[in-house]
N, C-alpha and C. Protein backbone atom coordinates (compact mmCIF):
# COMPACT_ATOMS: atom_id res chain seq x y z
N MET A 1 105.93 85.07 96.04
CA MET A 1 105.80 84.21 97.62
C MET A 1 104.36 84.63 97.43
N SER A 2 103.37 83.33 98.30
CA SER A 2 102.21 83.14 98.19
C SER A 2 102.05 83.74 100.11
N VAL A 3 100.79 84.24 99.87
CA VAL A 3 100.40 84.69 101.37
C VAL A 3 100.89 83.75 102.13
N LYS A 4 100.50 82.30 102.13
CA LYS A 4 100.43 81.43 103.05
C LYS A 4 102.00 81.36 103.79
N GLU A 5 103.08 81.14 102.42
CA GLU A 5 104.42 81.67 102.52
C GLU A 5 104.66 82.76 103.15
N THR A 6 103.99 83.91 103.20
CA THR A 6 104.21 84.90 103.73
C THR A 6 103.99 85.18 105.26
N ALA A 7 102.91 84.55 105.42
CA ALA A 7 102.17 84.55 106.76
C ALA A 7 103.48 83.36 107.52
N LYS A 8 103.91 82.17 106.79
CA LYS A 8 104.74 81.14 107.72
C LYS A 8 105.75 82.20 108.00
N SER A 9 106.67 82.74 107.39
CA SER A 9 108.05 84.00 107.42
C SER A 9 107.68 84.74 108.56
N VAL A 10 106.42 85.13 108.50
CA VAL A 10 106.27 86.37 109.69
C VAL A 10 105.99 85.94 110.97
N ILE A 11 105.11 84.50 111.05
CA ILE A 11 105.22 83.96 112.02
C ILE A 11 106.58 83.37 112.95
N GLN A 12 107.45 82.85 112.01
CA GLN A 12 109.13 82.94 112.31
C GLN A 12 109.97 84.20 112.79
N SER A 13 109.43 85.01 111.89
CA SER A 13 110.05 86.02 112.21
C SER A 13 109.84 86.63 113.85
N ILE A 14 108.05 86.40 114.16
CA ILE A 14 108.09 87.08 114.96
C ILE A 14 108.58 85.71 116.37
N ASN A 15 108.47 84.88 115.90
CA ASN A 15 109.31 83.55 117.20
C ASN A 15 110.66 83.71 116.91
N ASN A 16 111.26 84.41 116.37
CA ASN A 16 113.00 84.60 116.17
C ASN A 16 113.19 85.70 117.17
N GLY A 17 112.24 86.64 117.44
CA GLY A 17 112.37 87.64 118.59
C GLY A 17 112.51 89.10 117.75
N ASP A 18 112.17 88.94 116.11
CA ASP A 18 112.95 90.25 114.93
C ASP A 18 111.64 91.02 115.95
N THR A 19 111.68 92.82 115.61
CA THR A 19 110.52 93.27 115.55
C THR A 19 109.90 94.22 114.90
N LEU A 20 110.74 94.11 113.93
CA LEU A 20 110.34 95.20 112.50
C LEU A 20 111.18 94.56 111.07
N THR A 21 109.45 94.02 110.45
CA THR A 21 109.86 93.36 109.10
C THR A 21 109.14 94.14 108.23
N THR A 22 109.90 94.06 106.89
CA THR A 22 109.26 95.02 105.55
C THR A 22 108.86 93.79 104.99
N VAL A 23 107.87 93.64 104.49
CA VAL A 23 106.89 92.96 103.75
C VAL A 23 106.58 93.24 102.50
N ARG A 24 107.27 92.88 101.64
CA ARG A 24 106.82 93.27 100.00
C ARG A 24 105.84 92.54 98.92
N ILE A 25 104.89 92.58 99.24
CA ILE A 25 103.79 91.95 98.02
C ILE A 25 103.32 92.79 96.62
N SER A 26 103.13 91.54 96.07
CA SER A 26 103.12 92.49 94.50
C SER A 26 101.73 93.08 94.48
N ALA A 27 101.36 93.85 93.79
CA ALA A 27 100.63 95.03 93.50
C ALA A 27 99.25 94.04 93.29
N ASP A 28 99.13 92.72 92.58
CA ASP A 28 98.13 92.49 92.06
C ASP A 28 97.45 91.36 93.47
N SER A 29 98.43 91.16 94.24
CA SER A 29 97.49 90.78 95.49
C SER A 29 97.53 91.36 96.37
N PHE A 30 98.40 92.91 96.60
CA PHE A 30 98.04 93.23 98.15
C PHE A 30 97.27 93.52 99.06
N HIS A 31 96.23 94.18 98.53
CA HIS A 31 94.83 94.01 99.49
C HIS A 31 94.49 93.23 99.42
N ALA A 32 94.39 91.92 99.18
CA ALA A 32 93.71 90.67 99.56
C ALA A 32 94.72 90.28 100.78
N ASP A 33 96.07 90.27 100.29
CA ASP A 33 97.27 89.62 100.94
C ASP A 33 97.72 90.12 102.91
N THR A 34 97.36 91.60 102.42
CA THR A 34 97.51 92.08 103.85
C THR A 34 96.29 91.79 104.72
N VAL A 35 95.15 91.06 104.17
CA VAL A 35 93.77 91.29 104.77
C VAL A 35 94.08 89.54 105.51
N LYS A 36 94.52 89.07 104.85
CA LYS A 36 95.18 87.61 104.75
C LYS A 36 95.84 88.04 105.97
N LEU A 37 96.99 88.04 106.13
CA LEU A 37 97.77 88.15 106.96
C LEU A 37 97.11 88.71 108.26
N ALA A 38 96.97 89.66 108.07
CA ALA A 38 96.43 90.19 109.36
C ALA A 38 95.34 89.36 110.28
N GLY A 39 94.68 88.71 109.43
CA GLY A 39 93.72 87.59 109.88
C GLY A 39 94.56 86.46 110.27
N VAL A 40 95.55 86.11 109.94
CA VAL A 40 96.75 84.66 110.39
C VAL A 40 96.94 85.49 112.01
N LEU A 41 97.42 86.50 111.97
CA LEU A 41 97.79 86.88 113.13
C LEU A 41 97.00 87.29 114.20
N LEU A 42 95.43 87.52 113.87
CA LEU A 42 94.58 87.76 114.86
C LEU A 42 94.17 86.46 115.19
N GLY A 43 94.52 85.21 114.49
CA GLY A 43 94.02 83.93 114.60
C GLY A 43 95.14 82.96 115.58
N LYS A 44 96.50 83.99 115.76
CA LYS A 44 97.39 83.59 116.42
C LYS A 44 97.39 84.02 117.70
N LYS A 45 96.19 85.02 117.87
CA LYS A 45 95.96 85.25 119.17
C LYS A 45 96.83 86.54 119.65
N LEU A 46 97.21 87.62 118.51
CA LEU A 46 98.03 88.31 118.36
C LEU A 46 96.95 89.46 118.69
N GLY A 47 97.44 90.88 119.19
CA GLY A 47 96.39 91.94 119.54
C GLY A 47 97.09 92.62 118.78
N GLY A 48 96.31 93.55 117.55
CA GLY A 48 97.05 94.47 116.45
C GLY A 48 96.34 96.02 116.14
N ILE A 49 97.11 96.84 115.53
CA ILE A 49 97.30 98.00 115.20
C ILE A 49 97.08 98.02 113.49
N TYR A 50 96.07 98.24 112.94
CA TYR A 50 96.19 98.45 111.41
C TYR A 50 96.49 99.56 111.05
N VAL A 51 97.34 100.06 110.31
CA VAL A 51 97.54 101.64 110.17
C VAL A 51 97.02 101.60 108.62
N THR A 52 96.32 101.93 107.87
CA THR A 52 96.11 102.13 106.59
C THR A 52 95.99 103.69 105.97
N THR A 53 97.41 103.42 104.89
CA THR A 53 96.99 104.60 103.70
C THR A 53 96.60 104.29 102.65
N SER A 54 96.04 102.97 102.45
CA SER A 54 95.49 102.69 101.21
C SER A 54 94.18 102.42 100.85
N ARG A 55 93.10 102.32 101.79
CA ARG A 55 91.86 102.25 101.64
C ARG A 55 91.32 102.34 102.85
N PRO A 56 89.80 102.89 103.22
CA PRO A 56 89.00 102.79 104.48
C PRO A 56 89.47 101.65 105.19
N SER A 57 89.39 101.95 106.35
CA SER A 57 89.17 100.83 107.33
C SER A 57 87.75 100.10 107.45
N SER A 58 87.13 100.84 107.14
CA SER A 58 85.82 100.02 107.26
C SER A 58 85.85 99.05 105.98
N HIS A 59 86.40 98.86 104.98
CA HIS A 59 86.65 97.99 104.10
C HIS A 59 87.38 97.07 104.37
N ILE A 60 88.33 97.03 105.10
CA ILE A 60 88.87 96.14 105.88
C ILE A 60 88.44 95.45 106.77
N VAL A 61 87.85 96.12 107.63
CA VAL A 61 86.92 95.63 108.56
C VAL A 61 86.07 94.16 108.09
N ASP A 62 85.30 94.94 106.92
CA ASP A 62 83.97 93.96 105.97
C ASP A 62 84.75 92.93 105.60
N GLU A 63 86.17 92.80 105.07
CA GLU A 63 86.59 91.79 104.60
C GLU A 63 87.23 90.61 105.91
N LEU A 64 87.40 91.65 106.88
CA LEU A 64 87.79 90.49 107.96
C LEU A 64 86.90 89.94 108.67
N GLU A 65 85.55 90.54 108.79
CA GLU A 65 84.54 89.90 109.58
C GLU A 65 84.09 88.60 108.34
N GLU A 66 84.37 88.69 106.97
CA GLU A 66 84.07 87.37 106.10
C GLU A 66 85.06 86.39 106.75
N THR A 67 86.13 86.49 107.20
CA THR A 67 86.79 85.35 107.65
C THR A 67 86.56 84.45 108.65
N LYS A 68 85.72 85.38 109.64
CA LYS A 68 85.24 85.13 110.95
C LYS A 68 86.30 84.98 111.98
N VAL A 69 87.48 85.76 111.63
CA VAL A 69 88.19 85.85 112.81
C VAL A 69 88.16 87.22 113.91
N ASP A 70 88.26 86.70 114.91
CA ASP A 70 88.07 87.36 116.33
C ASP A 70 88.83 88.60 116.04
N LEU A 71 87.76 90.22 115.99
CA LEU A 71 88.36 91.12 115.83
C LEU A 71 88.23 92.37 116.93
N SER A 72 87.84 91.60 118.30
CA SER A 72 88.35 92.45 119.50
C SER A 72 89.51 92.68 120.18
N ASP A 73 90.39 92.24 119.84
CA ASP A 73 91.72 93.07 120.10
C ASP A 73 92.14 93.57 118.45
N LEU A 74 91.83 94.16 117.59
CA LEU A 74 92.35 94.47 116.56
C LEU A 74 91.84 96.39 116.10
N TYR A 75 92.25 97.05 116.32
CA TYR A 75 92.42 98.56 116.21
C TYR A 75 92.67 99.35 115.24
N PHE A 76 92.16 100.22 114.34
CA PHE A 76 93.02 101.01 113.08
C PHE A 76 93.33 102.21 113.45
N VAL A 77 94.38 102.88 112.61
CA VAL A 77 94.60 104.33 112.37
C VAL A 77 94.22 104.07 111.08
N ASP A 78 93.13 104.85 110.40
CA ASP A 78 93.06 105.20 109.59
C ASP A 78 93.04 106.61 108.75
N LEU A 79 93.99 106.39 107.77
CA LEU A 79 94.35 107.83 106.98
C LEU A 79 93.58 108.21 105.89
N VAL A 80 92.37 107.46 105.70
CA VAL A 80 92.05 108.00 104.43
C VAL A 80 90.44 107.87 104.53
N SER A 81 90.05 108.25 105.49
CA SER A 81 88.06 107.92 105.24
C SER A 81 87.84 109.38 105.59
N MET A 82 89.05 110.28 106.68
CA MET A 82 88.15 111.62 106.86
C MET A 82 88.67 112.38 105.24
N THR A 83 89.76 112.05 104.86
CA THR A 83 90.53 112.76 104.08
C THR A 83 89.05 112.73 102.55
N VAL A 84 88.72 111.53 102.30
CA VAL A 84 87.56 111.11 101.05
C VAL A 84 86.19 111.39 101.72
N GLY A 85 85.75 111.51 102.62
CA GLY A 85 84.77 111.69 103.35
C GLY A 85 83.73 110.32 103.92
N GLY A 86 85.02 109.45 103.97
CA GLY A 86 83.93 107.84 104.49
C GLY A 86 83.17 108.27 105.72
N SER A 87 82.91 106.93 106.04
CA SER A 87 82.42 106.70 107.39
C SER A 87 83.88 106.83 108.43
N THR A 88 83.36 107.73 109.59
CA THR A 88 84.35 108.11 110.44
C THR A 88 83.71 107.44 111.56
N ASP A 89 83.00 106.77 111.97
CA ASP A 89 82.19 105.95 113.07
C ASP A 89 82.58 105.32 114.43
N ASN A 90 83.17 104.44 113.56
CA ASN A 90 83.90 103.20 114.28
C ASN A 90 84.64 103.80 115.50
N PRO A 91 84.43 103.03 116.83
CA PRO A 91 84.91 103.57 118.04
C PRO A 91 86.42 102.52 117.81
N ARG A 92 86.75 101.69 117.37
CA ARG A 92 87.90 101.12 117.39
C ARG A 92 88.67 101.41 116.38
N THR A 93 88.56 102.66 116.13
CA THR A 93 89.48 103.63 114.95
C THR A 93 89.65 105.14 115.19
N LEU A 94 90.48 105.21 115.41
CA LEU A 94 90.93 106.84 114.90
C LEU A 94 91.30 107.29 113.81
N TYR A 95 91.06 108.33 113.62
CA TYR A 95 90.68 108.69 112.18
C TYR A 95 92.00 109.89 111.86
N VAL A 96 92.78 110.65 111.12
CA VAL A 96 93.99 111.02 110.21
C VAL A 96 93.06 111.72 109.62
N GLU A 97 93.38 113.39 109.98
CA GLU A 97 92.83 114.38 109.15
C GLU A 97 93.30 114.22 107.63
N SER A 98 94.65 113.74 107.35
CA SER A 98 95.80 113.75 106.62
C SER A 98 96.85 112.75 106.54
N PRO A 99 97.12 111.94 105.41
CA PRO A 99 98.38 111.33 105.54
C PRO A 99 99.64 112.04 105.55
N THR A 100 98.97 113.31 105.46
CA THR A 100 100.68 114.40 105.78
C THR A 100 101.40 114.68 107.04
N MET A 101 99.86 114.12 107.89
CA MET A 101 100.17 114.66 109.86
C MET A 101 100.62 113.53 110.48
N LEU A 102 102.38 113.06 110.02
CA LEU A 102 103.04 111.56 110.54
C LEU A 102 103.06 112.29 111.80
N GLU A 103 103.19 113.15 112.38
CA GLU A 103 103.36 113.00 114.19
C GLU A 103 101.75 112.53 114.72
N SER A 104 100.71 112.98 114.30
CA SER A 104 99.38 112.03 114.51
C SER A 104 99.41 110.64 114.45
N ILE A 105 100.25 110.59 113.40
CA ILE A 105 100.02 108.89 113.05
C ILE A 105 100.89 108.13 114.16
N LEU A 106 101.73 108.80 114.56
CA LEU A 106 102.43 108.25 115.85
C LEU A 106 101.76 108.27 117.32
N LEU A 107 101.02 109.28 117.60
CA LEU A 107 100.45 109.60 118.62
C LEU A 107 99.09 108.63 118.50
N ASN A 108 98.78 108.41 117.48
CA ASN A 108 97.34 107.37 117.81
C ASN A 108 98.03 106.09 117.48
N ILE A 109 99.02 105.55 117.09
CA ILE A 109 99.46 104.33 117.30
C ILE A 109 100.01 103.96 118.98
N SER A 110 100.36 105.14 119.44
CA SER A 110 100.77 105.22 121.03
C SER A 110 99.33 104.72 121.76
N LEU A 111 98.31 106.02 121.26
CA LEU A 111 97.06 105.87 122.24
C LEU A 111 96.57 103.91 122.11
N LEU A 112 96.43 103.99 121.02
CA LEU A 112 95.72 102.62 120.84
C LEU A 112 96.77 101.25 121.10
N GLU A 113 97.68 101.57 121.09
CA GLU A 113 98.97 100.28 121.93
C GLU A 113 98.29 100.63 123.46
N ARG A 114 97.90 101.13 123.87
CA ARG A 114 97.46 100.91 125.60
C ARG A 114 96.20 100.11 125.44
N ARG A 115 95.51 99.93 124.21
CA ARG A 115 94.01 99.29 124.52
C ARG A 115 94.35 97.86 124.67
N LEU A 116 95.22 97.66 123.49
CA LEU A 116 95.63 96.09 123.19
C LEU A 116 95.89 95.17 124.44
N LYS A 117 94.79 93.98 124.70
CA LYS A 117 94.81 93.32 125.47
C LYS A 117 96.00 92.37 125.50
N SER A 118 96.53 91.62 124.53
CA SER A 118 97.35 90.25 124.29
C SER A 118 98.69 91.20 124.47
N LYS A 119 98.93 89.77 125.15
CA LYS A 119 100.72 90.00 125.11
C LYS A 119 101.15 90.52 124.10
N LYS A 120 101.23 89.78 123.24
CA LYS A 120 102.23 89.66 121.77
C LYS A 120 101.03 90.67 121.08
N ARG A 121 101.65 91.33 120.32
CA ARG A 121 101.61 92.82 119.49
C ARG A 121 102.11 93.16 118.72
N PHE A 122 101.04 93.57 117.29
CA PHE A 122 101.56 93.63 116.23
C PHE A 122 101.34 95.31 115.84
N VAL A 123 101.90 95.98 114.92
CA VAL A 123 101.57 97.15 114.05
C VAL A 123 102.03 96.38 112.71
N MET A 124 100.43 96.51 111.67
CA MET A 124 100.88 96.23 110.02
C MET A 124 100.68 97.72 109.67
N PHE A 125 101.33 98.24 109.10
CA PHE A 125 101.63 99.63 108.10
C PHE A 125 101.29 99.29 107.03
N ASP A 126 100.10 99.38 106.47
CA ASP A 126 99.65 99.22 104.80
C ASP A 126 99.40 100.93 104.17
N SER A 127 100.24 101.24 103.71
CA SER A 127 101.31 100.67 103.43
C SER A 127 102.33 102.12 103.12
N VAL A 128 103.57 101.32 103.50
CA VAL A 128 104.45 102.74 103.01
C VAL A 128 104.55 103.35 102.04
N ASN A 129 104.04 102.50 100.90
CA ASN A 129 103.99 102.88 99.51
C ASN A 129 103.26 104.21 99.48
N GLY A 130 102.06 103.91 100.26
CA GLY A 130 100.74 105.18 99.91
C GLY A 130 101.26 106.38 100.87
N LEU A 131 102.22 106.32 101.95
CA LEU A 131 102.93 107.95 102.54
C LEU A 131 103.48 108.53 101.45
N SER A 132 104.41 107.69 100.69
CA SER A 132 105.16 108.29 99.93
C SER A 132 104.63 109.08 98.80
N ILE A 133 103.47 109.15 98.45
CA ILE A 133 102.59 109.82 97.98
C ILE A 133 102.32 111.28 98.75
N TYR A 134 102.17 111.25 99.79
CA TYR A 134 102.25 112.69 100.53
C TYR A 134 103.78 113.66 100.98
N SER A 135 104.61 112.28 101.05
CA SER A 135 105.54 112.89 102.18
C SER A 135 106.86 112.79 101.06
N GLU A 136 107.67 114.07 101.45
CA GLU A 136 109.01 114.30 100.87
C GLU A 136 109.59 112.55 101.36
N PRO A 137 110.94 112.36 100.16
CA PRO A 137 111.52 110.84 100.31
C PRO A 137 112.40 111.40 102.15
N LYS A 138 112.96 112.16 102.21
CA LYS A 138 113.74 112.25 103.52
C LYS A 138 112.75 112.39 104.69
N VAL A 139 111.62 112.97 104.87
CA VAL A 139 110.62 112.94 105.84
C VAL A 139 110.07 111.71 105.82
N LEU A 140 110.14 111.01 105.14
CA LEU A 140 109.42 109.50 104.93
C LEU A 140 110.26 108.51 105.57
N ARG A 141 111.52 108.75 105.26
CA ARG A 141 112.41 108.12 106.00
C ARG A 141 112.64 108.44 107.53
N GLU A 142 112.69 109.40 107.81
CA GLU A 142 112.81 109.89 109.19
C GLU A 142 111.51 109.25 109.94
N PHE A 143 110.63 109.81 109.40
CA PHE A 143 108.93 109.00 109.92
C PHE A 143 109.33 107.05 110.14
N ILE A 144 109.84 106.79 109.20
CA ILE A 144 109.86 105.17 109.16
C ILE A 144 110.61 105.14 110.44
N ASN A 145 112.21 105.74 110.18
CA ASN A 145 112.84 105.30 111.52
C ASN A 145 112.70 105.87 112.80
N VAL A 146 111.66 106.64 113.47
CA VAL A 146 110.76 107.00 114.33
C VAL A 146 109.94 105.40 114.89
N LEU A 147 109.06 105.43 113.68
CA LEU A 147 108.26 104.47 114.36
C LEU A 147 108.94 103.18 114.43
N GLY A 148 109.60 102.79 113.53
CA GLY A 148 110.37 101.62 113.82
C GLY A 148 111.20 101.49 115.26
N ASN A 149 111.65 102.33 115.30
CA ASN A 149 112.66 102.00 116.34
C ASN A 149 111.54 102.41 118.05
N SER A 150 110.71 103.60 117.80
CA SER A 150 109.67 103.51 118.76
C SER A 150 108.91 101.91 119.49
N MET A 151 108.64 101.49 118.12
CA MET A 151 107.61 99.88 118.26
C MET A 151 108.86 98.97 118.56
N ARG A 152 110.15 99.21 118.10
CA ARG A 152 111.11 98.05 118.57
C ARG A 152 111.55 98.47 120.38
N ILE A 153 111.13 99.35 120.63
CA ILE A 153 111.77 99.70 122.57
C ILE A 153 110.48 99.18 122.88
N LYS A 154 109.29 99.19 122.41
CA LYS A 154 108.02 98.97 123.07
C LYS A 154 107.91 97.59 123.00
N GLU A 155 108.68 96.92 122.26
CA GLU A 155 108.68 95.28 121.75
C GLU A 155 107.02 94.67 121.17
N ILE A 156 107.00 95.56 120.15
CA ILE A 156 105.43 95.50 119.35
C ILE A 156 106.02 94.85 117.99
N TYR A 157 105.72 93.77 117.59
CA TYR A 157 106.23 93.40 116.03
C TYR A 157 105.61 94.50 115.45
N SER A 158 106.22 95.09 114.10
CA SER A 158 105.71 95.72 113.24
C SER A 158 106.30 95.49 112.17
N MET A 159 104.99 95.60 110.96
CA MET A 159 105.49 95.15 109.41
C MET A 159 104.60 96.28 108.71
N LEU A 160 106.21 96.89 108.01
CA LEU A 160 106.18 97.87 107.15
C LEU A 160 105.83 96.99 105.78
N MET A 161 104.05 97.00 105.58
CA MET A 161 103.86 96.68 104.04
C MET A 161 104.47 97.69 102.78
N THR A 162 104.85 96.93 102.56
CA THR A 162 105.24 97.72 100.76
C THR A 162 104.63 97.34 99.21
N VAL A 163 104.48 97.68 98.51
CA VAL A 163 104.07 97.37 96.62
C VAL A 163 105.23 97.01 96.42
N LYS A 164 105.69 95.75 95.98
CA LYS A 164 106.98 95.71 95.34
C LYS A 164 107.19 96.85 94.38
N GLU A 165 106.50 96.61 93.47
CA GLU A 165 106.57 97.22 92.24
C GLU A 165 106.55 98.89 92.34
N GLN A 166 106.06 99.45 93.19
CA GLN A 166 105.93 100.72 93.22
C GLN A 166 107.28 101.36 94.58
N THR A 167 108.31 100.60 94.97
CA THR A 167 108.83 100.82 95.54
C THR A 167 110.41 101.26 95.53
N THR A 168 110.69 102.36 95.61
CA THR A 168 111.76 102.55 94.81
C THR A 168 112.66 102.02 95.77
N ASP A 169 114.36 102.20 94.88
CA ASP A 169 115.44 101.80 95.19
C ASP A 169 116.23 102.45 96.58
N GLU A 170 115.90 103.67 96.74
CA GLU A 170 116.23 104.34 97.77
C GLU A 170 115.26 104.22 99.06
N LEU A 171 114.09 103.88 99.04
CA LEU A 171 113.12 103.61 100.22
C LEU A 171 113.33 101.99 100.28
N ALA A 172 113.88 101.18 99.60
CA ALA A 172 114.06 100.01 99.41
C ALA A 172 115.41 99.89 100.48
N SER A 173 115.70 100.90 100.26
CA SER A 173 117.12 100.64 100.64
C SER A 173 117.00 100.86 102.20
N ALA A 174 116.36 102.10 102.78
CA ALA A 174 116.41 102.37 104.05
C ALA A 174 115.42 101.46 104.54
N LEU A 175 114.45 101.12 103.90
CA LEU A 175 113.57 99.72 104.92
C LEU A 175 114.21 98.85 105.37
N LYS A 176 115.48 98.20 104.50
CA LYS A 176 116.33 96.90 104.44
C LYS A 176 117.54 97.67 105.85
N LEU A 177 117.82 98.81 105.77
CA LEU A 177 118.40 98.87 106.87
C LEU A 177 118.15 98.81 108.27
N LEU A 178 117.04 99.70 108.07
CA LEU A 178 115.97 99.59 109.37
C LEU A 178 115.43 98.01 109.77
N SER A 179 115.01 97.64 108.70
CA SER A 179 114.10 95.97 109.69
C SER A 179 115.32 95.08 109.93
N ASP A 180 114.63 94.29 110.91
CA ASP A 180 115.63 93.18 110.98
C ASP A 180 115.31 91.96 110.13
N ARG A 181 114.57 91.90 109.26
CA ARG A 181 114.20 91.12 108.25
C ARG A 181 113.52 91.33 106.91
N VAL A 182 113.38 91.09 105.45
CA VAL A 182 112.66 91.62 104.48
C VAL A 182 112.23 90.41 104.14
N ILE A 183 110.98 90.24 104.28
CA ILE A 183 109.85 89.35 103.34
C ILE A 183 109.64 89.55 101.99
N GLY A 184 109.76 88.64 101.14
CA GLY A 184 108.88 88.60 100.15
C GLY A 184 110.38 89.34 98.89
N ASP A 185 111.41 89.16 98.94
CA ASP A 185 112.03 90.02 98.34
C ASP A 185 112.51 89.19 96.89
């Protein structure tokens, strides 16, 4: 599935009233496609929170700036930069010390959600697979369940991004059960 088709499916999902979608993307294009997808949503005037477990938020900001999309209503929860000693000075980003601190992720999303100006809002979680490196499967499933349902209650459209080739059957099954829609099957 191309990024254009994925973006179209995500927009359709939002318009249909879905609140939680799992988006499966190939490893070959994962980083580029997630950034393009965020750019499409920002271009549609949605405000968003981008949770990154796979690379520093500063890199994602650089890539988004190249697309000339308005980033004024985009915030980050960065689980990478403090761990690897990257830059931690962006005021639009909240940094989490370790990807194992799942409660801190939820708290930071809640704090940033209050800053969003747009009525239509999204959370992009890049990627669920990144968290699976640091968390036991049962703990990860519990976290995904809490995250998904808390965003559903707040009516914030949430995308749980996964790398197709790295997603176990057990994780895929849990995501499918929780999600309103799975894109990229």
